[in-house]
Every structure is written in structure tokens, then in C-alpha cells.
Full PDB file with SEQRES, HELIX, SHEET, SSBOND, CRYST1, ORIGX, SCALE, CONECT and MASTER records, all heavy atoms in Angstrom:
SEQRES   1 A   40  GLY GLU GLY LYS ILE LYS ILE LEU ALA ILE HIS GLY GLY          
SEQRES   2 A   40  MET SER ASP TYR THR SER LEU ASN PRO ILE LEU TYR THR          
SEQRES   3 A   40  LEU GLN GLN ASN GLY ILE GLY SER LEU SER PHE ASN LEU          
SEQRES   4 A   40  SER                                                          
HELIX    1 AA1 TYR A   17  LEU A   20  5                                   4    
HELIX    2 AA2 ASN A   21  GLN A   29  1                                   9    
SHEET    1 AA1 2 LYS A   6  ALA A   9  0                                        
SHEET    2 AA1 2 GLY A  33  SER A  36  1                                        
CRYST1    1.000    1.000    1.000  90.00  90.00  90.00 P 1           1          
ORIGX1      1.000000  0.000000  0.000000        0.00000                         
ORIGX2      0.000000  1.000000  0.000000        0.00000                         
ORIGX3      0.000000  0.000000  1.000000        0.00000                         
SCALE1      1.000000  0.000000  0.000000        0.00000                         
SCALE2      0.000000  1.000000  0.000000        0.00000                         
SCALE3      0.000000  0.000000  1.000000        0.00000                         
ATOM      1  N   GLY A   1     -19.108  10.052 -22.726  1.00  0.00           N  
ATOM      2  CA  GLY A   1     -19.024   8.944 -23.665  1.00  0.00           C  
ATOM      3  C   GLY A   1     -20.347   8.202 -23.705  1.00  0.00           C  
ATOM      4  O   GLY A   1     -21.202   8.397 -22.853  1.00  0.00           O  
ATOM      5  N   GLU A   2     -20.509   7.348 -24.682  1.00  0.00           N  
ATOM      6  CA  GLU A   2     -21.759   6.609 -24.824  1.00  0.00           C  
ATOM      7  C   GLU A   2     -21.721   5.257 -24.120  1.00  0.00           C  
ATOM      8  O   GLU A   2     -22.751   4.704 -23.780  1.00  0.00           O  
ATOM      9  CB  GLU A   2     -22.068   6.402 -26.306  1.00  0.00           C  
ATOM     10  CG  GLU A   2     -22.315   7.708 -27.027  1.00  0.00           C  
ATOM     11  CD  GLU A   2     -22.510   7.506 -28.521  1.00  0.00           C  
ATOM     12  OE1 GLU A   2     -22.682   6.358 -28.963  1.00  0.00           O  
ATOM     13  OE2 GLU A   2     -22.486   8.522 -29.233  1.00  0.00           O  
ATOM     14  N   GLY A   3     -20.552   4.701 -23.932  1.00  0.00           N  
ATOM     15  CA  GLY A   3     -20.428   3.381 -23.334  1.00  0.00           C  
ATOM     16  C   GLY A   3     -20.266   3.433 -21.827  1.00  0.00           C  
ATOM     17  O   GLY A   3     -20.299   4.491 -21.206  1.00  0.00           O  
ATOM     18  N   LYS A   4     -20.086   2.265 -21.260  1.00  0.00           N  
ATOM     19  CA  LYS A   4     -19.914   2.162 -19.809  1.00  0.00           C  
ATOM     20  C   LYS A   4     -18.479   2.476 -19.392  1.00  0.00           C  
ATOM     21  O   LYS A   4     -18.219   2.753 -18.235  1.00  0.00           O  
ATOM     22  CB  LYS A   4     -20.278   0.761 -19.331  1.00  0.00           C  
ATOM     23  CG  LYS A   4     -21.754   0.471 -19.444  1.00  0.00           C  
ATOM     24  CD  LYS A   4     -22.071  -0.896 -18.896  1.00  0.00           C  
ATOM     25  CE  LYS A   4     -23.566  -1.149 -18.998  1.00  0.00           C  
ATOM     26  NZ  LYS A   4     -23.920  -2.458 -18.463  1.00  0.00           N  
ATOM     27  N   ILE A   5     -17.561   2.406 -20.317  1.00  0.00           N  
ATOM     28  CA  ILE A   5     -16.152   2.623 -19.980  1.00  0.00           C  
ATOM     29  C   ILE A   5     -15.893   4.115 -19.776  1.00  0.00           C  
ATOM     30  O   ILE A   5     -16.241   4.945 -20.607  1.00  0.00           O  
ATOM     31  CB  ILE A   5     -15.223   2.078 -21.075  1.00  0.00           C  
ATOM     32  CG1 ILE A   5     -15.417   0.575 -21.228  1.00  0.00           C  
ATOM     33  CG2 ILE A   5     -13.766   2.410 -20.760  1.00  0.00           C  
ATOM     34  CD1 ILE A   5     -14.646  -0.027 -22.390  1.00  0.00           C  
ATOM     35  N   LYS A   6     -15.288   4.452 -18.659  1.00  0.00           N  
ATOM     36  CA  LYS A   6     -14.877   5.824 -18.339  1.00  0.00           C  
ATOM     37  C   LYS A   6     -13.445   5.746 -17.822  1.00  0.00           C  
ATOM     38  O   LYS A   6     -13.064   4.783 -17.169  1.00  0.00           O  
ATOM     39  CB  LYS A   6     -15.754   6.438 -17.244  1.00  0.00           C  
ATOM     40  CG  LYS A   6     -17.248   6.310 -17.472  1.00  0.00           C  
ATOM     41  CD  LYS A   6     -17.746   7.309 -18.484  1.00  0.00           C  
ATOM     42  CE  LYS A   6     -19.240   7.304 -18.600  1.00  0.00           C  
ATOM     43  NZ  LYS A   6     -19.813   6.318 -19.464  1.00  0.00           N  
ATOM     44  N   ILE A   7     -12.656   6.756 -18.101  1.00  0.00           N  
ATOM     45  CA  ILE A   7     -11.282   6.754 -17.610  1.00  0.00           C  
ATOM     46  C   ILE A   7     -10.969   8.057 -16.872  1.00  0.00           C  
ATOM     47  O   ILE A   7     -11.590   9.089 -17.128  1.00  0.00           O  
ATOM     48  CB  ILE A   7     -10.257   6.529 -18.735  1.00  0.00           C  
ATOM     49  CG1 ILE A   7     -10.308   7.662 -19.756  1.00  0.00           C  
ATOM     50  CG2 ILE A   7     -10.473   5.204 -19.422  1.00  0.00           C  
ATOM     51  CD1 ILE A   7      -9.155   7.636 -20.729  1.00  0.00           C  
ATOM     52  N   LEU A   8     -10.010   7.997 -15.982  1.00  0.00           N  
ATOM     53  CA  LEU A   8      -9.461   9.171 -15.306  1.00  0.00           C  
ATOM     54  C   LEU A   8      -8.119   9.440 -15.964  1.00  0.00           C  
ATOM     55  O   LEU A   8      -7.246   8.560 -15.992  1.00  0.00           O  
ATOM     56  CB  LEU A   8      -9.274   8.905 -13.817  1.00  0.00           C  
ATOM     57  CG  LEU A   8      -8.549   9.991 -13.031  1.00  0.00           C  
ATOM     58  CD1 LEU A   8      -9.322  11.300 -13.071  1.00  0.00           C  
ATOM     59  CD2 LEU A   8      -8.318   9.539 -11.601  1.00  0.00           C  
ATOM     60  N   ALA A   9      -7.956  10.614 -16.536  1.00  0.00           N  
ATOM     61  CA  ALA A   9      -6.735  10.961 -17.257  1.00  0.00           C  
ATOM     62  C   ALA A   9      -5.959  12.021 -16.470  1.00  0.00           C  
ATOM     63  O   ALA A   9      -6.513  13.059 -16.123  1.00  0.00           O  
ATOM     64  CB  ALA A   9      -7.077  11.478 -18.643  1.00  0.00           C  
ATOM     65  N   ILE A  10      -4.699  11.759 -16.209  1.00  0.00           N  
ATOM     66  CA  ILE A  10      -3.850  12.687 -15.453  1.00  0.00           C  
ATOM     67  C   ILE A  10      -2.700  13.123 -16.361  1.00  0.00           C  
ATOM     68  O   ILE A  10      -1.930  12.288 -16.840  1.00  0.00           O  
ATOM     69  CB  ILE A  10      -3.308  12.029 -14.172  1.00  0.00           C  
ATOM     70  CG1 ILE A  10      -4.489  11.578 -13.298  1.00  0.00           C  
ATOM     71  CG2 ILE A  10      -2.399  12.997 -13.420  1.00  0.00           C  
ATOM     72  CD1 ILE A  10      -4.092  10.758 -12.105  1.00  0.00           C  
ATOM     73  N   HIS A  11      -2.626  14.431 -16.592  1.00  0.00           N  
ATOM     74  CA  HIS A  11      -1.594  14.954 -17.498  1.00  0.00           C  
ATOM     75  C   HIS A  11      -0.217  14.951 -16.844  1.00  0.00           C  
ATOM     76  O   HIS A  11      -0.079  14.810 -15.637  1.00  0.00           O  
ATOM     77  CB  HIS A  11      -1.964  16.370 -17.963  1.00  0.00           C  
ATOM     78  CG  HIS A  11      -1.971  17.397 -16.871  1.00  0.00           C  
ATOM     79  ND1 HIS A  11      -0.822  17.943 -16.353  1.00  0.00           N  
ATOM     80  CD2 HIS A  11      -2.993  17.986 -16.207  1.00  0.00           C  
ATOM     81  CE1 HIS A  11      -1.133  18.828 -15.416  1.00  0.00           C  
ATOM     82  NE2 HIS A  11      -2.448  18.869 -15.303  1.00  0.00           N  
ATOM     83  N   GLY A  12       0.799  15.133 -17.665  1.00  0.00           N  
ATOM     84  CA  GLY A  12       2.176  15.187 -17.183  1.00  0.00           C  
ATOM     85  C   GLY A  12       2.555  16.577 -16.706  1.00  0.00           C  
ATOM     86  O   GLY A  12       1.750  17.510 -16.714  1.00  0.00           O  
ATOM     87  N   GLY A  13       3.790  16.731 -16.282  1.00  0.00           N  
ATOM     88  CA  GLY A  13       4.281  18.006 -15.786  1.00  0.00           C  
ATOM     89  C   GLY A  13       4.334  19.078 -16.857  1.00  0.00           C  
ATOM     90  O   GLY A  13       4.413  18.793 -18.055  1.00  0.00           O  
ATOM     91  N   MET A  14       4.268  20.307 -16.441  1.00  0.00           N  
ATOM     92  CA  MET A  14       4.356  21.477 -17.318  1.00  0.00           C  
ATOM     93  C   MET A  14       3.269  21.479 -18.402  1.00  0.00           C  
ATOM     94  O   MET A  14       3.496  21.889 -19.529  1.00  0.00           O  
ATOM     95  CB  MET A  14       5.745  21.575 -17.962  1.00  0.00           C  
ATOM     96  CG  MET A  14       6.883  21.625 -16.958  1.00  0.00           C  
ATOM     97  SD  MET A  14       6.752  22.981 -15.772  1.00  0.00           S  
ATOM     98  CE  MET A  14       7.034  24.368 -16.843  1.00  0.00           C  
ATOM     99  N   SER A  15       2.071  20.985 -18.059  1.00  0.00           N  
ATOM    100  CA  SER A  15       0.971  20.967 -19.015  1.00  0.00           C  
ATOM    101  C   SER A  15      -0.357  21.102 -18.285  1.00  0.00           C  
ATOM    102  O   SER A  15      -0.378  21.320 -17.074  1.00  0.00           O  
ATOM    103  CB  SER A  15       1.006  19.676 -19.838  1.00  0.00           C  
ATOM    104  OG  SER A  15       0.760  18.554 -19.029  1.00  0.00           O  
ATOM    105  N   ASP A  16      -1.457  20.986 -19.006  1.00  0.00           N  
ATOM    106  CA  ASP A  16      -2.782  21.003 -18.398  1.00  0.00           C  
ATOM    107  C   ASP A  16      -3.612  19.889 -19.015  1.00  0.00           C  
ATOM    108  O   ASP A  16      -3.108  19.127 -19.839  1.00  0.00           O  
ATOM    109  CB  ASP A  16      -3.453  22.382 -18.560  1.00  0.00           C  
ATOM    110  CG  ASP A  16      -3.601  22.812 -19.999  1.00  0.00           C  
ATOM    111  OD1 ASP A  16      -4.062  22.002 -20.832  1.00  0.00           O  
ATOM    112  OD2 ASP A  16      -3.259  23.960 -20.317  1.00  0.00           O  
ATOM    113  N   TYR A  17      -4.887  19.777 -18.630  1.00  0.00           N  
ATOM    114  CA  TYR A  17      -5.701  18.654 -19.104  1.00  0.00           C  
ATOM    115  C   TYR A  17      -5.851  18.612 -20.619  1.00  0.00           C  
ATOM    116  O   TYR A  17      -6.118  17.555 -21.190  1.00  0.00           O  
ATOM    117  CB  TYR A  17      -7.063  18.608 -18.420  1.00  0.00           C  
ATOM    118  CG  TYR A  17      -8.001  19.770 -18.687  1.00  0.00           C  
ATOM    119  CD1 TYR A  17      -8.701  19.882 -19.875  1.00  0.00           C  
ATOM    120  CD2 TYR A  17      -8.205  20.740 -17.730  1.00  0.00           C  
ATOM    121  CE1 TYR A  17      -9.562  20.938 -20.110  1.00  0.00           C  
ATOM    122  CE2 TYR A  17      -9.073  21.799 -17.948  1.00  0.00           C  
ATOM    123  CZ  TYR A  17      -9.756  21.892 -19.143  1.00  0.00           C  
ATOM    124  OH  TYR A  17     -10.610  22.933 -19.380  1.00  0.00           O  
ATOM    125  N   THR A  18      -5.619  19.705 -21.315  1.00  0.00           N  
ATOM    126  CA  THR A  18      -5.759  19.707 -22.776  1.00  0.00           C  
ATOM    127  C   THR A  18      -4.596  19.012 -23.487  1.00  0.00           C  
ATOM    128  O   THR A  18      -4.701  18.682 -24.663  1.00  0.00           O  
ATOM    129  CB  THR A  18      -5.907  21.136 -23.328  1.00  0.00           C  
ATOM    130  OG1 THR A  18      -4.722  21.880 -23.034  1.00  0.00           O  
ATOM    131  CG2 THR A  18      -7.128  21.821 -22.754  1.00  0.00           C  
ATOM    132  N   SER A  19      -3.497  18.773 -22.791  1.00  0.00           N  
ATOM    133  CA  SER A  19      -2.368  18.088 -23.432  1.00  0.00           C  
ATOM    134  C   SER A  19      -2.736  16.656 -23.824  1.00  0.00           C  
ATOM    135  O   SER A  19      -2.076  16.055 -24.667  1.00  0.00           O  
ATOM    136  CB  SER A  19      -1.139  18.092 -22.527  1.00  0.00           C  
ATOM    137  OG  SER A  19      -1.371  17.321 -21.368  1.00  0.00           O  
ATOM    138  N   LEU A  20      -3.801  16.138 -23.240  1.00  0.00           N  
ATOM    139  CA  LEU A  20      -4.266  14.785 -23.549  1.00  0.00           C  
ATOM    140  C   LEU A  20      -5.368  14.768 -24.600  1.00  0.00           C  
ATOM    141  O   LEU A  20      -5.938  13.714 -24.902  1.00  0.00           O  
ATOM    142  CB  LEU A  20      -4.757  14.114 -22.267  1.00  0.00           C  
ATOM    143  CG  LEU A  20      -3.697  13.963 -21.171  1.00  0.00           C  
ATOM    144  CD1 LEU A  20      -4.340  13.515 -19.867  1.00  0.00           C  
ATOM    145  CD2 LEU A  20      -2.623  13.005 -21.607  1.00  0.00           C  
ATOM    146  N   ASN A  21      -5.683  15.926 -25.194  1.00  0.00           N  
ATOM    147  CA  ASN A  21      -6.769  16.003 -26.171  1.00  0.00           C  
ATOM    148  C   ASN A  21      -6.656  14.987 -27.311  1.00  0.00           C  
ATOM    149  O   ASN A  21      -7.666  14.368 -27.658  1.00  0.00           O  
ATOM    150  CB  ASN A  21      -6.894  17.410 -26.751  1.00  0.00           C  
ATOM    151  CG  ASN A  21      -7.553  18.377 -25.801  1.00  0.00           C  
ATOM    152  OD1 ASN A  21      -8.053  17.999 -24.746  1.00  0.00           O  
ATOM    153  ND2 ASN A  21      -7.557  19.648 -26.167  1.00  0.00           N  
ATOM    154  N   PRO A  22      -5.493  14.801 -27.941  1.00  0.00           N  
ATOM    155  CA  PRO A  22      -5.439  13.838 -29.050  1.00  0.00           C  
ATOM    156  C   PRO A  22      -5.911  12.436 -28.651  1.00  0.00           C  
ATOM    157  O   PRO A  22      -6.612  11.776 -29.406  1.00  0.00           O  
ATOM    158  CB  PRO A  22      -3.966  13.835 -29.456  1.00  0.00           C  
ATOM    159  CG  PRO A  22      -3.454  15.174 -29.029  1.00  0.00           C  
ATOM    160  CD  PRO A  22      -4.205  15.487 -27.750  1.00  0.00           C  
ATOM    161  N   ILE A  23      -5.570  12.021 -27.457  1.00  0.00           N  
ATOM    162  CA  ILE A  23      -5.979  10.693 -26.984  1.00  0.00           C  
ATOM    163  C   ILE A  23      -7.443  10.712 -26.539  1.00  0.00           C  
ATOM    164  O   ILE A  23      -8.243   9.870 -26.949  1.00  0.00           O  
ATOM    165  CB  ILE A  23      -5.083  10.240 -25.813  1.00  0.00           C  
ATOM    166  CG1 ILE A  23      -3.640  10.084 -26.289  1.00  0.00           C  
ATOM    167  CG2 ILE A  23      -5.604   8.959 -25.176  1.00  0.00           C  
ATOM    168  CD1 ILE A  23      -2.640   9.944 -25.171  1.00  0.00           C  
ATOM    169  N   LEU A  24      -7.800  11.684 -25.688  1.00  0.00           N  
ATOM    170  CA  LEU A  24      -9.140  11.719 -25.112  1.00  0.00           C  
ATOM    171  C   LEU A  24     -10.228  12.008 -26.137  1.00  0.00           C  
ATOM    172  O   LEU A  24     -11.329  11.464 -26.050  1.00  0.00           O  
ATOM    173  CB  LEU A  24      -9.197  12.723 -23.963  1.00  0.00           C  
ATOM    174  CG  LEU A  24      -8.260  12.413 -22.791  1.00  0.00           C  
ATOM    175  CD1 LEU A  24      -8.389  13.481 -21.714  1.00  0.00           C  
ATOM    176  CD2 LEU A  24      -8.523  11.031 -22.233  1.00  0.00           C  
ATOM    177  N   TYR A  25      -9.938  12.838 -27.123  1.00  0.00           N  
ATOM    178  CA  TYR A  25     -10.931  13.125 -28.165  1.00  0.00           C  
ATOM    179  C   TYR A  25     -11.175  11.891 -29.034  1.00  0.00           C  
ATOM    180  O   TYR A  25     -12.301  11.610 -29.433  1.00  0.00           O  
ATOM    181  CB  TYR A  25     -10.499  14.310 -29.025  1.00  0.00           C  
ATOM    182  CG  TYR A  25     -10.614  15.657 -28.338  1.00  0.00           C  
ATOM    183  CD1 TYR A  25     -11.003  15.772 -27.009  1.00  0.00           C  
ATOM    184  CD2 TYR A  25     -10.328  16.815 -29.022  1.00  0.00           C  
ATOM    185  CE1 TYR A  25     -11.099  17.011 -26.395  1.00  0.00           C  
ATOM    186  CE2 TYR A  25     -10.431  18.065 -28.422  1.00  0.00           C  
ATOM    187  CZ  TYR A  25     -10.814  18.150 -27.104  1.00  0.00           C  
ATOM    188  OH  TYR A  25     -10.926  19.381 -26.498  1.00  0.00           O  
ATOM    189  N   THR A  26     -10.118  11.135 -29.321  1.00  0.00           N  
ATOM    190  CA  THR A  26     -10.270   9.897 -30.084  1.00  0.00           C  
ATOM    191  C   THR A  26     -11.099   8.881 -29.293  1.00  0.00           C  
ATOM    192  O   THR A  26     -11.985   8.223 -29.839  1.00  0.00           O  
ATOM    193  CB  THR A  26      -8.891   9.300 -30.434  1.00  0.00           C  
ATOM    194  OG1 THR A  26      -8.160  10.260 -31.197  1.00  0.00           O  
ATOM    195  CG2 THR A  26      -9.017   8.011 -31.218  1.00  0.00           C  
ATOM    196  N   LEU A  27     -10.819   8.779 -27.998  1.00  0.00           N  
ATOM    197  CA  LEU A  27     -11.604   7.874 -27.156  1.00  0.00           C  
ATOM    198  C   LEU A  27     -13.069   8.302 -27.117  1.00  0.00           C  
ATOM    199  O   LEU A  27     -13.970   7.463 -27.211  1.00  0.00           O  
ATOM    200  CB  LEU A  27     -11.023   7.826 -25.739  1.00  0.00           C  
ATOM    201  CG  LEU A  27      -9.667   7.136 -25.599  1.00  0.00           C  
ATOM    202  CD1 LEU A  27      -9.113   7.336 -24.198  1.00  0.00           C  
ATOM    203  CD2 LEU A  27      -9.783   5.653 -25.930  1.00  0.00           C  
ATOM    204  N   GLN A  28     -13.319   9.614 -26.993  1.00  0.00           N  
ATOM    205  CA  GLN A  28     -14.692  10.102 -26.952  1.00  0.00           C  
ATOM    206  C   GLN A  28     -15.422   9.777 -28.262  1.00  0.00           C  
ATOM    207  O   GLN A  28     -16.589   9.388 -28.248  1.00  0.00           O  
ATOM    208  CB  GLN A  28     -14.737  11.606 -26.663  1.00  0.00           C  
ATOM    209  CG  GLN A  28     -16.168  12.103 -26.460  1.00  0.00           C  
ATOM    210  CD  GLN A  28     -16.257  13.585 -26.213  1.00  0.00           C  
ATOM    211  OE1 GLN A  28     -15.483  14.371 -26.740  1.00  0.00           O  
ATOM    212  NE2 GLN A  28     -17.225  13.979 -25.395  1.00  0.00           N  
ATOM    213  N   GLN A  29     -14.749   9.931 -29.376  1.00  0.00           N  
ATOM    214  CA  GLN A  29     -15.357   9.598 -30.670  1.00  0.00           C  
ATOM    215  C   GLN A  29     -15.723   8.118 -30.757  1.00  0.00           C  
ATOM    216  O   GLN A  29     -16.578   7.725 -31.538  1.00  0.00           O  
ATOM    217  CB  GLN A  29     -14.414   9.976 -31.814  1.00  0.00           C  
ATOM    218  CG  GLN A  29     -14.299  11.472 -32.002  1.00  0.00           C  
ATOM    219  CD  GLN A  29     -13.199  11.841 -32.986  1.00  0.00           C  
ATOM    220  OE1 GLN A  29     -12.172  11.178 -33.089  1.00  0.00           O  
ATOM    221  NE2 GLN A  29     -13.423  12.927 -33.715  1.00  0.00           N  
ATOM    222  N   ASN A  30     -15.066   7.303 -29.923  1.00  0.00           N  
ATOM    223  CA  ASN A  30     -15.338   5.866 -29.894  1.00  0.00           C  
ATOM    224  C   ASN A  30     -16.194   5.466 -28.682  1.00  0.00           C  
ATOM    225  O   ASN A  30     -16.216   4.295 -28.299  1.00  0.00           O  
ATOM    226  CB  ASN A  30     -14.021   5.087 -29.914  1.00  0.00           C  
ATOM    227  CG  ASN A  30     -13.364   5.145 -31.272  1.00  0.00           C  
ATOM    228  OD1 ASN A  30     -13.779   4.454 -32.188  1.00  0.00           O  
ATOM    229  ND2 ASN A  30     -12.373   6.012 -31.426  1.00  0.00           N  
ATOM    230  N   GLY A  31     -16.868   6.451 -28.074  1.00  0.00           N  
ATOM    231  CA  GLY A  31     -17.830   6.173 -27.014  1.00  0.00           C  
ATOM    232  C   GLY A  31     -17.275   6.080 -25.608  1.00  0.00           C  
ATOM    233  O   GLY A  31     -17.986   5.709 -24.680  1.00  0.00           O  
ATOM    234  N   ILE A  32     -16.001   6.423 -25.416  1.00  0.00           N  
ATOM    235  CA  ILE A  32     -15.379   6.311 -24.091  1.00  0.00           C  
ATOM    236  C   ILE A  32     -15.264   7.690 -23.465  1.00  0.00           C  
ATOM    237  O   ILE A  32     -14.650   8.600 -24.019  1.00  0.00           O  
ATOM    238  CB  ILE A  32     -13.993   5.642 -24.190  1.00  0.00           C  
ATOM    239  CG1 ILE A  32     -14.158   4.234 -24.763  1.00  0.00           C  
ATOM    240  CG2 ILE A  32     -13.309   5.610 -22.829  1.00  0.00           C  
ATOM    241  CD1 ILE A  32     -12.863   3.533 -25.083  1.00  0.00           C  
ATOM    242  N   GLY A  33     -15.864   7.849 -22.291  1.00  0.00           N  
ATOM    243  CA  GLY A  33     -15.819   9.121 -21.578  1.00  0.00           C  
ATOM    244  C   GLY A  33     -14.574   9.234 -20.716  1.00  0.00           C  
ATOM    245  O   GLY A  33     -13.898   8.240 -20.431  1.00  0.00           O  
ATOM    246  N   SER A  34     -14.258  10.461 -20.288  1.00  0.00           N  
ATOM    247  CA  SER A  34     -13.074  10.659 -19.452  1.00  0.00           C  
ATOM    248  C   SER A  34     -13.266  11.838 -18.503  1.00  0.00           C  
ATOM    249  O   SER A  34     -14.038  12.750 -18.773  1.00  0.00           O  
ATOM    250  CB  SER A  34     -11.834  10.897 -20.317  1.00  0.00           C  
ATOM    251  OG  SER A  34     -11.986  12.073 -21.079  1.00  0.00           O  
ATOM    252  N   LEU A  35     -12.536  11.786 -17.417  1.00  0.00           N  
ATOM    253  CA  LEU A  35     -12.462  12.873 -16.457  1.00  0.00           C  
ATOM    254  C   LEU A  35     -11.005  13.288 -16.373  1.00  0.00           C  
ATOM    255  O   LEU A  35     -10.117  12.439 -16.228  1.00  0.00           O  
ATOM    256  CB  LEU A  35     -12.947  12.426 -15.076  1.00  0.00           C  
ATOM    257  CG  LEU A  35     -12.748  13.408 -13.926  1.00  0.00           C  
ATOM    258  CD1 LEU A  35     -13.613  14.655 -14.132  1.00  0.00           C  
ATOM    259  CD2 LEU A  35     -13.066  12.756 -12.601  1.00  0.00           C  
ATOM    260  N   SER A  36     -10.740  14.574 -16.517  1.00  0.00           N  
ATOM    261  CA  SER A  36      -9.379  15.087 -16.384  1.00  0.00           C  
ATOM    262  C   SER A  36      -9.440  16.441 -15.694  1.00  0.00           C  
ATOM    263  O   SER A  36     -10.481  17.083 -15.669  1.00  0.00           O  
ATOM    264  CB  SER A  36      -8.693  15.201 -17.758  1.00  0.00           C  
ATOM    265  OG  SER A  36      -9.476  15.970 -18.640  1.00  0.00           O  
ATOM    266  N   PHE A  37      -8.345  16.854 -15.124  1.00  0.00           N  
ATOM    267  CA  PHE A  37      -8.322  18.119 -14.391  1.00  0.00           C  
ATOM    268  C   PHE A  37      -6.903  18.657 -14.361  1.00  0.00           C  
ATOM    269  O   PHE A  37      -5.941  17.932 -14.613  1.00  0.00           O  
ATOM    270  CB  PHE A  37      -8.848  17.929 -12.964  1.00  0.00           C  
ATOM    271  CG  PHE A  37      -8.221  16.766 -12.247  1.00  0.00           C  
ATOM    272  CD1 PHE A  37      -7.029  16.908 -11.558  1.00  0.00           C  
ATOM    273  CD2 PHE A  37      -8.810  15.513 -12.307  1.00  0.00           C  
ATOM    274  CE1 PHE A  37      -6.445  15.828 -10.925  1.00  0.00           C  
ATOM    275  CE2 PHE A  37      -8.240  14.425 -11.671  1.00  0.00           C  
ATOM    276  CZ  PHE A  37      -7.051  14.580 -10.971  1.00  0.00           C  
ATOM    277  N   ASN A  38      -6.792  19.926 -14.052  1.00  0.00           N  
ATOM    278  CA  ASN A  38      -5.484  20.560 -13.957  1.00  0.00           C  
ATOM    279  C   ASN A  38      -4.875  20.292 -12.593  1.00  0.00           C  
ATOM    280  O   ASN A  38      -5.582  20.211 -11.585  1.00  0.00           O  
ATOM    281  CB  ASN A  38      -5.595  22.063 -14.200  1.00  0.00           C  
ATOM    282  CG  ASN A  38      -5.892  22.356 -15.650  1.00  0.00           C  
ATOM    283  OD1 ASN A  38      -5.484  21.615 -16.531  1.00  0.00           O  
ATOM    284  ND2 ASN A  38      -6.614  23.422 -15.901  1.00  0.00           N  
ATOM    285  N   LEU A  39      -3.569  20.183 -12.578  1.00  0.00           N  
ATOM    286  CA  LEU A  39      -2.829  19.995 -11.336  1.00  0.00           C  
ATOM    287  C   LEU A  39      -2.189  21.328 -10.941  1.00  0.00           C  
ATOM    288  O   LEU A  39      -1.682  22.051 -11.800  1.00  0.00           O  
ATOM    289  CB  LEU A  39      -1.752  18.919 -11.517  1.00  0.00           C  
ATOM    290  CG  LEU A  39      -2.286  17.534 -11.901  1.00  0.00           C  
ATOM    291  CD1 LEU A  39      -1.130  16.601 -12.231  1.00  0.00           C  
ATOM    292  CD2 LEU A  39      -3.124  16.963 -10.781  1.00  0.00           C  
ATOM    293  N   SER A  40      -2.208  21.633  -9.686  1.00  0.00           N  
ATOM    294  CA  SER A  40      -1.718  22.904  -9.170  1.00  0.00           C  
ATOM    295  C   SER A  40      -0.263  23.165  -9.544  1.00  0.00           C  
ATOM    296  O   SER A  40       0.601  22.317  -9.342  1.00  0.00           O  
ATOM    297  CB  SER A  40      -1.861  22.914  -7.647  1.00  0.00           C  
ATOM    298  OG  SER A  40      -1.328  24.084  -7.111  1.00  0.00           O  
TER     299      SER A  40                                                      
MASTER        0    0    0    2    2    0    0    6  298    1    0    4          
END                                                                             
């Protein structure tokens, strides 16, 4: 992201980090970066 704001995004069960794409991509377009990862 371009701004100072960064978030840690944790997906729900039966999914992976891409399930949050609609939210995280919108945030990125508005300068907010994020870190997400898959859960075992």
C-alpha cells in the first residue's frame, strides 16, 4: 500500500487468503497494504 496503514487479514475456515480479495484489493486501491497467509 502507499499509506502508513497496514492490516493483518486472517481468512475464515474452508478457504485461503484469496477469499479476502474483494476487501483487500479495494483497500490496496485506496493505499492500504495488507499481510495475509494460508492456515494449515
